[in-house]
């Protein structure tokens, strides 16, 4: 039965590591997120239409 307990502890440890990694990724993504106010509006580039005629 001890093998089952160690396997269960290993799974719990992996689940904890996955959750910690997920939290790190979410924190990094939040830190790198650009607020909408800081973005610029894209200006359409219509030059390609002239080349297609």
Protein backbone atom coordinates (compact mmCIF):
# COMPACT_ATOMS: atom_id res chain seq x y z
CA UNK A 1 0.00 0.00 0.00
CA UNK A 2 2.95 2.32 0.48
CA UNK A 3 3.47 2.47 -3.30
CA UNK A 4 -0.05 3.87 -3.71
CA UNK A 5 0.62 6.53 -1.09
CA UNK A 6 3.85 7.68 -2.72
CA UNK A 7 2.17 7.73 -6.15
CA UNK A 8 -0.66 9.81 -4.69
CA UNK A 9 1.83 12.21 -3.09
CA UNK A 10 3.66 12.46 -6.43
CA UNK A 11 0.43 13.33 -8.21
CA UNK A 12 -0.40 15.94 -5.58
CA UNK A 13 3.09 17.39 -5.91
CA UNK A 14 2.75 17.57 -9.72
CA UNK A 15 -0.67 19.16 -9.40
CA UNK A 16 0.79 21.77 -7.04
CA UNK A 17 3.66 22.47 -9.44
CA UNK A 18 1.23 22.81 -12.36
CA UNK A 19 -0.91 25.24 -10.38
CA UNK A 20 2.16 27.28 -9.37
CA UNK A 21 3.32 27.41 -12.98
CA UNK A 22 -0.16 28.47 -14.07
CA UNK A 23 -0.18 31.27 -11.51
CA UNK A 24 3.28 32.45 -12.65
CA UNK A 25 2.12 32.53 -16.28
CA UNK A 26 -1.03 34.45 -15.37
CA UNK A 27 0.97 36.95 -13.31
CA UNK A 28 3.46 37.42 -16.17
CA UNK A 29 0.67 37.88 -18.71
CA UNK A 30 -1.03 40.42 -16.46
CA UNK A 31 2.25 42.31 -16.02
CA UNK A 32 2.81 42.43 -19.79
CA UNK A 33 -0.79 43.36 -20.61
CA UNK A 34 -1.20 46.71 -22.35
CA UNK A 35 -4.21 48.73 -21.21
CA UNK A 36 -6.66 49.70 -23.96
CA UNK A 37 -5.96 53.39 -23.32
CA UNK A 38 -2.30 52.86 -24.28
CA UNK A 39 -2.99 51.29 -27.64
CA UNK A 40 -3.18 53.31 -30.80
CA UNK A 41 -5.85 52.98 -33.41
CA UNK A 42 -4.67 51.25 -36.54
CA UNK A 43 -4.69 53.41 -39.65
CA UNK A 44 -5.84 51.47 -42.71
CA UNK A 45 -3.22 51.23 -45.41
CA UNK A 46 -4.96 51.41 -48.77
CA UNK A 47 -1.78 51.51 -50.87
CA UNK A 48 -2.19 47.82 -51.76
CA UNK A 49 -5.41 48.62 -53.64
CA UNK A 50 -3.54 50.84 -56.11
CA UNK A 51 -1.21 47.97 -56.96
CA UNK A 52 -4.06 45.58 -57.73
CA UNK A 53 -5.64 47.67 -60.50
